Amino acid sequence: IFRQTDAYTIKEPDGTRNLILEKGL
């Protein structure tokens, strides 16, 4: 429960995944 795929992933306009928040956490 209380889970979500890519909850802290920033989706860039070109479709790539920016993981800076996840890495910081």
mmCIF file of all heavy atoms, coordinates in Angstrom:
data_MODEL
# 
_entry.id   MODEL 
# 
loop_
_atom_site.group_PDB 
_atom_site.id 
_atom_site.type_symbol 
_atom_site.label_atom_id 
_atom_site.label_alt_id 
_atom_site.label_comp_id 
_atom_site.label_asym_id 
_atom_site.label_entity_id 
_atom_site.label_seq_id 
_atom_site.pdbx_PDB_ins_code 
_atom_site.Cartn_x 
_atom_site.Cartn_y 
_atom_site.Cartn_z 
_atom_site.occupancy 
_atom_site.B_iso_or_equiv 
_atom_site.pdbx_formal_charge 
_atom_site.auth_seq_id 
_atom_site.auth_comp_id 
_atom_site.auth_asym_id 
_atom_site.auth_atom_id 
_atom_site.pdbx_PDB_model_num 
ATOM 1   N N   . ILE A 1 1  ? 0.838  -1.209 0.000   1.00 0.00 ? 1  ILE A N   1 
ATOM 2   C CA  . ILE A 1 1  ? 0.000  0.000  0.000   1.00 0.00 ? 1  ILE A CA  1 
ATOM 3   C C   . ILE A 1 1  ? 0.866  1.249  0.000   1.00 0.00 ? 1  ILE A C   1 
ATOM 4   O O   . ILE A 1 1  ? 2.037  1.214  0.349   1.00 0.00 ? 1  ILE A O   1 
ATOM 5   C CB  . ILE A 1 1  ? -0.980 0.014  1.197   1.00 0.00 ? 1  ILE A CB  1 
ATOM 6   C CG1 . ILE A 1 1  ? -0.247 -0.088 2.528   1.00 0.00 ? 1  ILE A CG1 1 
ATOM 7   C CG2 . ILE A 1 1  ? -2.008 -1.087 1.065   1.00 0.00 ? 1  ILE A CG2 1 
ATOM 8   C CD1 . ILE A 1 1  ? -1.158 0.018  3.738   1.00 0.00 ? 1  ILE A CD1 1 
ATOM 9   N N   . PHE A 1 2  ? 0.266  2.355  -0.387  1.00 0.00 ? 2  PHE A N   1 
ATOM 10  C CA  . PHE A 1 2  ? 0.933  3.649  -0.473  1.00 0.00 ? 2  PHE A CA  1 
ATOM 11  C C   . PHE A 1 2  ? 2.182  3.583  -1.349  1.00 0.00 ? 2  PHE A C   1 
ATOM 12  O O   . PHE A 1 2  ? 3.216  4.146  -1.023  1.00 0.00 ? 2  PHE A O   1 
ATOM 13  C CB  . PHE A 1 2  ? 1.287  4.202  0.913   1.00 0.00 ? 2  PHE A CB  1 
ATOM 14  C CG  . PHE A 1 2  ? 0.092  4.481  1.777   1.00 0.00 ? 2  PHE A CG  1 
ATOM 15  C CD1 . PHE A 1 2  ? -0.122 3.766  2.936   1.00 0.00 ? 2  PHE A CD1 1 
ATOM 16  C CD2 . PHE A 1 2  ? -0.810 5.459  1.421   1.00 0.00 ? 2  PHE A CD2 1 
ATOM 17  C CE1 . PHE A 1 2  ? -1.223 4.022  3.734   1.00 0.00 ? 2  PHE A CE1 1 
ATOM 18  C CE2 . PHE A 1 2  ? -1.919 5.719  2.219   1.00 0.00 ? 2  PHE A CE2 1 
ATOM 19  C CZ  . PHE A 1 2  ? -2.118 5.014  3.370   1.00 0.00 ? 2  PHE A CZ  1 
ATOM 20  N N   . ARG A 1 3  ? 2.076  2.878  -2.473  1.00 0.00 ? 3  ARG A N   1 
ATOM 21  C CA  . ARG A 1 3  ? 3.194  2.748  -3.405  1.00 0.00 ? 3  ARG A CA  1 
ATOM 22  C C   . ARG A 1 3  ? 2.782  3.256  -4.774  1.00 0.00 ? 3  ARG A C   1 
ATOM 23  O O   . ARG A 1 3  ? 1.615  3.176  -5.138  1.00 0.00 ? 3  ARG A O   1 
ATOM 24  C CB  . ARG A 1 3  ? 3.615  1.282  -3.561  1.00 0.00 ? 3  ARG A CB  1 
ATOM 25  C CG  . ARG A 1 3  ? 4.175  0.684  -2.348  1.00 0.00 ? 3  ARG A CG  1 
ATOM 26  C CD  . ARG A 1 3  ? 4.440  -0.794 -2.432  1.00 0.00 ? 3  ARG A CD  1 
ATOM 27  N NE  . ARG A 1 3  ? 4.287  -1.391 -3.735  1.00 0.00 ? 3  ARG A NE  1 
ATOM 28  C CZ  . ARG A 1 3  ? 5.037  -2.362 -4.212  1.00 0.00 ? 3  ARG A CZ  1 
ATOM 29  N NH1 . ARG A 1 3  ? 5.992  -2.861 -3.481  1.00 0.00 ? 3  ARG A NH1 1 
ATOM 30  N NH2 . ARG A 1 3  ? 4.831  -2.871 -5.388  1.00 0.00 ? 3  ARG A NH2 1 
ATOM 31  N N   . GLN A 1 4  ? 3.758  3.742  -5.497  1.00 0.00 ? 4  GLN A N   1 
ATOM 32  C CA  . GLN A 1 4  ? 3.494  4.232  -6.847  1.00 0.00 ? 4  GLN A CA  1 
ATOM 33  C C   . GLN A 1 4  ? 4.767  4.091  -7.669  1.00 0.00 ? 4  GLN A C   1 
ATOM 34  O O   . GLN A 1 4  ? 5.867  4.362  -7.182  1.00 0.00 ? 4  GLN A O   1 
ATOM 35  C CB  . GLN A 1 4  ? 3.077  5.702  -6.772  1.00 0.00 ? 4  GLN A CB  1 
ATOM 36  C CG  . GLN A 1 4  ? 2.813  6.338  -8.104  1.00 0.00 ? 4  GLN A CG  1 
ATOM 37  C CD  . GLN A 1 4  ? 2.403  7.790  -7.947  1.00 0.00 ? 4  GLN A CD  1 
ATOM 38  O OE1 . GLN A 1 4  ? 1.865  8.192  -6.926  1.00 0.00 ? 4  GLN A OE1 1 
ATOM 39  N NE2 . GLN A 1 4  ? 2.658  8.567  -8.958  1.00 0.00 ? 4  GLN A NE2 1 
ATOM 40  N N   . THR A 1 5  ? 4.628  3.669  -8.905  1.00 0.00 ? 5  THR A N   1 
ATOM 41  C CA  . THR A 1 5  ? 5.770  3.583  -9.798  1.00 0.00 ? 5  THR A CA  1 
ATOM 42  C C   . THR A 1 5  ? 6.239  4.991  -10.147 1.00 0.00 ? 5  THR A C   1 
ATOM 43  O O   . THR A 1 5  ? 5.429  5.854  -10.474 1.00 0.00 ? 5  THR A O   1 
ATOM 44  C CB  . THR A 1 5  ? 5.398  2.814  -11.081 1.00 0.00 ? 5  THR A CB  1 
ATOM 45  O OG1 . THR A 1 5  ? 4.959  1.517  -10.707 1.00 0.00 ? 5  THR A OG1 1 
ATOM 46  C CG2 . THR A 1 5  ? 6.576  2.699  -12.023 1.00 0.00 ? 5  THR A CG2 1 
ATOM 47  N N   . ASP A 1 6  ? 7.535  5.198  -10.059 1.00 0.00 ? 6  ASP A N   1 
ATOM 48  C CA  . ASP A 1 6  ? 8.163  6.479  -10.414 1.00 0.00 ? 6  ASP A CA  1 
ATOM 49  C C   . ASP A 1 6  ? 7.586  7.674  -9.656  1.00 0.00 ? 6  ASP A C   1 
ATOM 50  O O   . ASP A 1 6  ? 7.434  8.763  -10.191 1.00 0.00 ? 6  ASP A O   1 
ATOM 51  C CB  . ASP A 1 6  ? 8.057  6.731  -11.923 1.00 0.00 ? 6  ASP A CB  1 
ATOM 52  C CG  . ASP A 1 6  ? 8.927  5.796  -12.735 1.00 0.00 ? 6  ASP A CG  1 
ATOM 53  O OD1 . ASP A 1 6  ? 9.967  5.359  -12.208 1.00 0.00 ? 6  ASP A OD1 1 
ATOM 54  O OD2 . ASP A 1 6  ? 8.601  5.523  -13.893 1.00 0.00 ? 6  ASP A OD2 1 
ATOM 55  N N   . ALA A 1 7  ? 7.284  7.474  -8.377  1.00 0.00 ? 7  ALA A N   1 
ATOM 56  C CA  . ALA A 1 7  ? 6.705  8.547  -7.570  1.00 0.00 ? 7  ALA A CA  1 
ATOM 57  C C   . ALA A 1 7  ? 7.629  9.758  -7.479  1.00 0.00 ? 7  ALA A C   1 
ATOM 58  O O   . ALA A 1 7  ? 7.164  10.892 -7.405  1.00 0.00 ? 7  ALA A O   1 
ATOM 59  C CB  . ALA A 1 7  ? 6.390  8.038  -6.168  1.00 0.00 ? 7  ALA A CB  1 
ATOM 60  N N   . TYR A 1 8  ? 8.935  9.526  -7.489  1.00 0.00 ? 8  TYR A N   1 
ATOM 61  C CA  . TYR A 1 8  ? 9.891  10.621 -7.339  1.00 0.00 ? 8  TYR A CA  1 
ATOM 62  C C   . TYR A 1 8  ? 10.703 10.852 -8.602  1.00 0.00 ? 8  TYR A C   1 
ATOM 63  O O   . TYR A 1 8  ? 11.758 11.467 -8.559  1.00 0.00 ? 8  TYR A O   1 
ATOM 64  C CB  . TYR A 1 8  ? 10.829 10.322 -6.161  1.00 0.00 ? 8  TYR A CB  1 
ATOM 65  C CG  . TYR A 1 8  ? 10.066 10.059 -4.883  1.00 0.00 ? 8  TYR A CG  1 
ATOM 66  C CD1 . TYR A 1 8  ? 9.966  8.782  -4.365  1.00 0.00 ? 8  TYR A CD1 1 
ATOM 67  C CD2 . TYR A 1 8  ? 9.416  11.093 -4.219  1.00 0.00 ? 8  TYR A CD2 1 
ATOM 68  C CE1 . TYR A 1 8  ? 9.252  8.534  -3.206  1.00 0.00 ? 8  TYR A CE1 1 
ATOM 69  C CE2 . TYR A 1 8  ? 8.698  10.854 -3.069  1.00 0.00 ? 8  TYR A CE2 1 
ATOM 70  C CZ  . TYR A 1 8  ? 8.616  9.582  -2.564  1.00 0.00 ? 8  TYR A CZ  1 
ATOM 71  O OH  . TYR A 1 8  ? 7.898  9.340  -1.425  1.00 0.00 ? 8  TYR A OH  1 
ATOM 72  N N   . THR A 1 9  ? 10.218 10.345 -9.718  1.00 0.00 ? 9  THR A N   1 
ATOM 73  C CA  . THR A 1 9  ? 10.921 10.487 -10.980 1.00 0.00 ? 9  THR A CA  1 
ATOM 74  C C   . THR A 1 9  ? 10.364 11.673 -11.755 1.00 0.00 ? 9  THR A C   1 
ATOM 75  O O   . THR A 1 9  ? 9.150  11.822 -11.882 1.00 0.00 ? 9  THR A O   1 
ATOM 76  C CB  . THR A 1 9  ? 10.767 9.204  -11.831 1.00 0.00 ? 9  THR A CB  1 
ATOM 77  O OG1 . THR A 1 9  ? 11.272 8.110  -11.072 1.00 0.00 ? 9  THR A OG1 1 
ATOM 78  C CG2 . THR A 1 9  ? 11.511 9.306  -13.135 1.00 0.00 ? 9  THR A CG2 1 
ATOM 79  N N   . ILE A 1 10 ? 11.261 12.496 -12.257 1.00 0.00 ? 10 ILE A N   1 
ATOM 80  C CA  . ILE A 1 10 ? 10.866 13.633 -13.096 1.00 0.00 ? 10 ILE A CA  1 
ATOM 81  C C   . ILE A 1 10 ? 10.902 13.140 -14.536 1.00 0.00 ? 10 ILE A C   1 
ATOM 82  O O   . ILE A 1 10 ? 11.925 12.649 -15.001 1.00 0.00 ? 10 ILE A O   1 
ATOM 83  C CB  . ILE A 1 10 ? 11.824 14.825 -12.909 1.00 0.00 ? 10 ILE A CB  1 
ATOM 84  C CG1 . ILE A 1 10 ? 11.802 15.279 -11.447 1.00 0.00 ? 10 ILE A CG1 1 
ATOM 85  C CG2 . ILE A 1 10 ? 11.458 15.958 -13.858 1.00 0.00 ? 10 ILE A CG2 1 
ATOM 86  C CD1 . ILE A 1 10 ? 12.921 16.229 -11.082 1.00 0.00 ? 10 ILE A CD1 1 
ATOM 87  N N   . LYS A 1 11 ? 9.789  13.259 -15.221 1.00 0.00 ? 11 LYS A N   1 
ATOM 88  C CA  . LYS A 1 11 ? 9.742  12.859 -16.631 1.00 0.00 ? 11 LYS A CA  1 
ATOM 89  C C   . LYS A 1 11 ? 10.099 14.079 -17.486 1.00 0.00 ? 11 LYS A C   1 
ATOM 90  O O   . LYS A 1 11 ? 9.436  15.109 -17.434 1.00 0.00 ? 11 LYS A O   1 
ATOM 91  C CB  . LYS A 1 11 ? 8.368  12.325 -16.977 1.00 0.00 ? 11 LYS A CB  1 
ATOM 92  C CG  . LYS A 1 11 ? 8.047  11.091 -16.155 1.00 0.00 ? 11 LYS A CG  1 
ATOM 93  C CD  . LYS A 1 11 ? 7.300  10.071 -16.924 1.00 0.00 ? 11 LYS A CD  1 
ATOM 94  C CE  . LYS A 1 11 ? 7.270  8.773  -16.188 1.00 0.00 ? 11 LYS A CE  1 
ATOM 95  N NZ  . LYS A 1 11 ? 6.252  8.465  -15.346 1.00 0.00 ? 11 LYS A NZ  1 
ATOM 96  N N   . GLU A 1 12 ? 11.165 13.943 -18.236 1.00 0.00 ? 12 GLU A N   1 
ATOM 97  C CA  . GLU A 1 12 ? 11.639 15.025 -19.104 1.00 0.00 ? 12 GLU A CA  1 
ATOM 98  C C   . GLU A 1 12 ? 10.767 15.095 -20.367 1.00 0.00 ? 12 GLU A C   1 
ATOM 99  O O   . GLU A 1 12 ? 10.121 14.113 -20.734 1.00 0.00 ? 12 GLU A O   1 
ATOM 100 C CB  . GLU A 1 12 ? 13.101 14.781 -19.475 1.00 0.00 ? 12 GLU A CB  1 
ATOM 101 C CG  . GLU A 1 12 ? 14.052 14.735 -18.288 1.00 0.00 ? 12 GLU A CG  1 
ATOM 102 C CD  . GLU A 1 12 ? 14.246 16.082 -17.606 1.00 0.00 ? 12 GLU A CD  1 
ATOM 103 O OE1 . GLU A 1 12 ? 13.747 17.112 -18.106 1.00 0.00 ? 12 GLU A OE1 1 
ATOM 104 O OE2 . GLU A 1 12 ? 14.886 16.103 -16.546 1.00 0.00 ? 12 GLU A OE2 1 
ATOM 105 N N   . PRO A 1 13 ? 10.735 16.262 -21.035 1.00 0.00 ? 13 PRO A N   1 
ATOM 106 C CA  . PRO A 1 13 ? 9.919  16.411 -22.244 1.00 0.00 ? 13 PRO A CA  1 
ATOM 107 C C   . PRO A 1 13 ? 10.234 15.380 -23.331 1.00 0.00 ? 13 PRO A C   1 
ATOM 108 O O   . PRO A 1 13 ? 9.352  14.982 -24.087 1.00 0.00 ? 13 PRO A O   1 
ATOM 109 C CB  . PRO A 1 13 ? 10.244 17.829 -22.735 1.00 0.00 ? 13 PRO A CB  1 
ATOM 110 C CG  . PRO A 1 13 ? 10.680 18.559 -21.504 1.00 0.00 ? 13 PRO A CG  1 
ATOM 111 C CD  . PRO A 1 13 ? 11.366 17.525 -20.651 1.00 0.00 ? 13 PRO A CD  1 
ATOM 112 N N   . ASP A 1 14 ? 11.486 14.916 -23.385 1.00 0.00 ? 14 ASP A N   1 
ATOM 113 C CA  . ASP A 1 14 ? 11.851 13.931 -24.407 1.00 0.00 ? 14 ASP A CA  1 
ATOM 114 C C   . ASP A 1 14 ? 11.545 12.499 -23.974 1.00 0.00 ? 14 ASP A C   1 
ATOM 115 O O   . ASP A 1 14 ? 11.852 11.540 -24.680 1.00 0.00 ? 14 ASP A O   1 
ATOM 116 C CB  . ASP A 1 14 ? 13.331 14.059 -24.775 1.00 0.00 ? 14 ASP A CB  1 
ATOM 117 C CG  . ASP A 1 14 ? 14.277 13.716 -23.631 1.00 0.00 ? 14 ASP A CG  1 
ATOM 118 O OD1 . ASP A 1 14 ? 13.805 13.381 -22.519 1.00 0.00 ? 14 ASP A OD1 1 
ATOM 119 O OD2 . ASP A 1 14 ? 15.494 13.775 -23.845 1.00 0.00 ? 14 ASP A OD2 1 
ATOM 120 N N   . GLY A 1 15 ? 10.922 12.315 -22.793 1.00 0.00 ? 15 GLY A N   1 
ATOM 121 C CA  . GLY A 1 15 ? 10.526 10.995 -22.320 1.00 0.00 ? 15 GLY A CA  1 
ATOM 122 C C   . GLY A 1 15 ? 11.531 10.310 -21.408 1.00 0.00 ? 15 GLY A C   1 
ATOM 123 O O   . GLY A 1 15 ? 11.233 9.267  -20.845 1.00 0.00 ? 15 GLY A O   1 
ATOM 124 N N   . THR A 1 16 ? 12.712 10.883 -21.244 1.00 0.00 ? 16 THR A N   1 
ATOM 125 C CA  . THR A 1 16 ? 13.699 10.269 -20.364 1.00 0.00 ? 16 THR A CA  1 
ATOM 126 C C   . THR A 1 16 ? 13.299 10.491 -18.905 1.00 0.00 ? 16 THR A C   1 
ATOM 127 O O   . THR A 1 16 ? 12.527 11.389 -18.584 1.00 0.00 ? 16 THR A O   1 
ATOM 128 C CB  . THR A 1 16 ? 15.122 10.808 -20.610 1.00 0.00 ? 16 THR A CB  1 
ATOM 129 O OG1 . THR A 1 16 ? 15.113 12.221 -20.389 1.00 0.00 ? 16 THR A OG1 1 
ATOM 130 C CG2 . THR A 1 16 ? 15.597 10.502 -22.008 1.00 0.00 ? 16 THR A CG2 1 
ATOM 131 N N   . ARG A 1 17 ? 13.856 9.655  -18.048 1.00 0.00 ? 17 ARG A N   1 
ATOM 132 C CA  . ARG A 1 17 ? 13.558 9.723  -16.623 1.00 0.00 ? 17 ARG A CA  1 
ATOM 133 C C   . ARG A 1 17 ? 14.720 10.380 -15.891 1.00 0.00 ? 17 ARG A C   1 
ATOM 134 O O   . ARG A 1 17 ? 15.827 9.900  -15.927 1.00 0.00 ? 17 ARG A O   1 
ATOM 135 C CB  . ARG A 1 17 ? 13.324 8.310  -16.080 1.00 0.00 ? 17 ARG A CB  1 
ATOM 136 C CG  . ARG A 1 17 ? 12.143 7.634  -16.719 1.00 0.00 ? 17 ARG A CG  1 
ATOM 137 C CD  . ARG A 1 17 ? 12.075 6.142  -16.422 1.00 0.00 ? 17 ARG A CD  1 
ATOM 138 N NE  . ARG A 1 17 ? 11.954 5.877  -15.008 1.00 0.00 ? 17 ARG A NE  1 
ATOM 139 C CZ  . ARG A 1 17 ? 12.758 5.060  -14.339 1.00 0.00 ? 17 ARG A CZ  1 
ATOM 140 N NH1 . ARG A 1 17 ? 13.734 4.430  -14.943 1.00 0.00 ? 17 ARG A NH1 1 
ATOM 141 N NH2 . ARG A 1 17 ? 12.585 4.868  -13.058 1.00 0.00 ? 17 ARG A NH2 1 
ATOM 142 N N   . ASN A 1 18 ? 14.454 11.472 -15.198 1.00 0.00 ? 18 ASN A N   1 
ATOM 143 C CA  . ASN A 1 18 ? 15.448 12.165 -14.387 1.00 0.00 ? 18 ASN A CA  1 
ATOM 144 C C   . ASN A 1 18 ? 15.293 11.651 -12.958 1.00 0.00 ? 18 ASN A C   1 
ATOM 145 O O   . ASN A 1 18 ? 14.255 11.830 -12.331 1.00 0.00 ? 18 ASN A O   1 
ATOM 146 C CB  . ASN A 1 18 ? 15.206 13.675 -14.460 1.00 0.00 ? 18 ASN A CB  1 
ATOM 147 C CG  . ASN A 1 18 ? 16.202 14.472 -13.672 1.00 0.00 ? 18 ASN A CG  1 
ATOM 148 O OD1 . ASN A 1 18 ? 16.751 14.000 -12.678 1.00 0.00 ? 18 ASN A OD1 1 
ATOM 149 N ND2 . ASN A 1 18 ? 16.430 15.701 -14.090 1.00 0.00 ? 18 ASN A ND2 1 
ATOM 150 N N   . LEU A 1 19 ? 16.331 11.000 -12.449 1.00 0.00 ? 19 LEU A N   1 
ATOM 151 C CA  . LEU A 1 19 ? 16.264 10.351 -11.135 1.00 0.00 ? 19 LEU A CA  1 
ATOM 152 C C   . LEU A 1 19 ? 16.931 11.152 -10.017 1.00 0.00 ? 19 LEU A C   1 
ATOM 153 O O   . LEU A 1 19 ? 17.233 10.612 -8.964  1.00 0.00 ? 19 LEU A O   1 
ATOM 154 C CB  . LEU A 1 19 ? 16.901 8.958  -11.228 1.00 0.00 ? 19 LEU A CB  1 
ATOM 155 C CG  . LEU A 1 19 ? 16.283 8.026  -12.265 1.00 0.00 ? 19 LEU A CG  1 
ATOM 156 C CD1 . LEU A 1 19 ? 17.060 6.718  -12.337 1.00 0.00 ? 19 LEU A CD1 1 
ATOM 157 C CD2 . LEU A 1 19 ? 14.835 7.756  -11.976 1.00 0.00 ? 19 LEU A CD2 1 
ATOM 158 N N   . ILE A 1 20 ? 17.136 12.437 -10.218 1.00 0.00 ? 20 ILE A N   1 
ATOM 159 C CA  . ILE A 1 20 ? 17.856 13.252 -9.234  1.00 0.00 ? 20 ILE A CA  1 
ATOM 160 C C   . ILE A 1 20 ? 17.179 13.228 -7.865  1.00 0.00 ? 20 ILE A C   1 
ATOM 161 O O   . ILE A 1 20 ? 17.846 13.137 -6.827  1.00 0.00 ? 20 ILE A O   1 
ATOM 162 C CB  . ILE A 1 20 ? 18.081 14.685 -9.746  1.00 0.00 ? 20 ILE A CB  1 
ATOM 163 C CG1 . ILE A 1 20 ? 19.096 15.381 -8.849  1.00 0.00 ? 20 ILE A CG1 1 
ATOM 164 C CG2 . ILE A 1 20 ? 16.787 15.461 -9.825  1.00 0.00 ? 20 ILE A CG2 1 
ATOM 165 C CD1 . ILE A 1 20 ? 19.684 16.650 -9.455  1.00 0.00 ? 20 ILE A CD1 1 
ATOM 166 N N   . LEU A 1 21 ? 15.856 13.315 -7.817  1.00 0.00 ? 21 LEU A N   1 
ATOM 167 C CA  . LEU A 1 21 ? 15.157 13.290 -6.518  1.00 0.00 ? 21 LEU A CA  1 
ATOM 168 C C   . LEU A 1 21 ? 15.301 11.931 -5.838  1.00 0.00 ? 21 LEU A C   1 
ATOM 169 O O   . LEU A 1 21 ? 15.586 11.847 -4.643  1.00 0.00 ? 21 LEU A O   1 
ATOM 170 C CB  . LEU A 1 21 ? 13.668 13.598 -6.696  1.00 0.00 ? 21 LEU A CB  1 
ATOM 171 C CG  . LEU A 1 21 ? 13.310 15.015 -7.096  1.00 0.00 ? 21 LEU A CG  1 
ATOM 172 C CD1 . LEU A 1 21 ? 11.812 15.141 -7.338  1.00 0.00 ? 21 LEU A CD1 1 
ATOM 173 C CD2 . LEU A 1 21 ? 13.757 16.009 -6.047  1.00 0.00 ? 21 LEU A CD2 1 
ATOM 174 N N   . GLU A 1 22 ? 15.138 10.870 -6.615  1.00 0.00 ? 22 GLU A N   1 
ATOM 175 C CA  . GLU A 1 22 ? 15.260 9.520  -6.053  1.00 0.00 ? 22 GLU A CA  1 
ATOM 176 C C   . GLU A 1 22 ? 16.671 9.288  -5.515  1.00 0.00 ? 22 GLU A C   1 
ATOM 177 O O   . GLU A 1 22 ? 16.854 8.760  -4.431  1.00 0.00 ? 22 GLU A O   1 
ATOM 178 C CB  . GLU A 1 22 ? 14.916 8.493  -7.110  1.00 0.00 ? 22 GLU A CB  1 
ATOM 179 C CG  . GLU A 1 22 ? 14.873 7.088  -6.585  1.00 0.00 ? 22 GLU A CG  1 
ATOM 180 C CD  . GLU A 1 22 ? 14.373 6.081  -7.590  1.00 0.00 ? 22 GLU A CD  1 
ATOM 181 O OE1 . GLU A 1 22 ? 13.771 6.471  -8.589  1.00 0.00 ? 22 GLU A OE1 1 
ATOM 182 O OE2 . GLU A 1 22 ? 14.618 4.901  -7.337  1.00 0.00 ? 22 GLU A OE2 1 
ATOM 183 N N   . LYS A 1 23 ? 17.670 9.706  -6.278  1.00 0.00 ? 23 LYS A N   1 
ATOM 184 C CA  . LYS A 1 23 ? 19.054 9.542  -5.841  1.00 0.00 ? 23 LYS A CA  1 
ATOM 185 C C   . LYS A 1 23 ? 19.326 10.357 -4.582  1.00 0.00 ? 23 LYS A C   1 
ATOM 186 O O   . LYS A 1 23 ? 20.019 9.923  -3.678  1.00 0.00 ? 23 LYS A O   1 
ATOM 187 C CB  . LYS A 1 23 ? 20.010 9.918  -6.952  1.00 0.00 ? 23 LYS A CB  1 
ATOM 188 C CG  . LYS A 1 23 ? 20.002 8.897  -8.085  1.00 0.00 ? 23 LYS A CG  1 
ATOM 189 C CD  . LYS A 1 23 ? 20.904 9.303  -9.226  1.00 0.00 ? 23 LYS A CD  1 
ATOM 190 C CE  . LYS A 1 23 ? 20.828 8.277  -10.332 1.00 0.00 ? 23 LYS A CE  1 
ATOM 191 N NZ  . LYS A 1 23 ? 21.597 8.669  -11.508 1.00 0.00 ? 23 LYS A NZ  1 
ATOM 192 N N   . GLY A 1 24 ? 18.774 11.571 -4.515  1.00 0.00 ? 24 GLY A N   1 
ATOM 193 C CA  . GLY A 1 24 ? 18.936 12.408 -3.337  1.00 0.00 ? 24 GLY A CA  1 
ATOM 194 C C   . GLY A 1 24 ? 18.299 11.805 -2.098  1.00 0.00 ? 24 GLY A C   1 
ATOM 195 O O   . GLY A 1 24 ? 18.846 11.876 -0.996  1.00 0.00 ? 24 GLY A O   1 
ATOM 196 N N   . LEU A 1 25 ? 17.135 11.170 -2.274  1.00 0.00 ? 25 LEU A N   1 
ATOM 197 C CA  . LEU A 1 25 ? 16.454 10.541 -1.145  1.00 0.00 ? 25 LEU A CA  1 
ATOM 198 C C   . LEU A 1 25 ? 17.201 9.311  -0.637  1.00 0.00 ? 25 LEU A C   1 
ATOM 199 O O   . LEU A 1 25 ? 17.055 8.922  0.519   1.00 0.00 ? 25 LEU A O   1 
ATOM 200 C CB  . LEU A 1 25 ? 15.031 10.163 -1.539  1.00 0.00 ? 25 LEU A CB  1 
ATOM 201 C CG  . LEU A 1 25 ? 14.079 11.341 -1.760  1.00 0.00 ? 25 LEU A CG  1 
ATOM 202 C CD1 . LEU A 1 25 ? 12.788 10.861 -2.398  1.00 0.00 ? 25 LEU A CD1 1 
ATOM 203 C CD2 . LEU A 1 25 ? 13.793 12.070 -0.450  1.00 0.00 ? 25 LEU A CD2 1 
# 
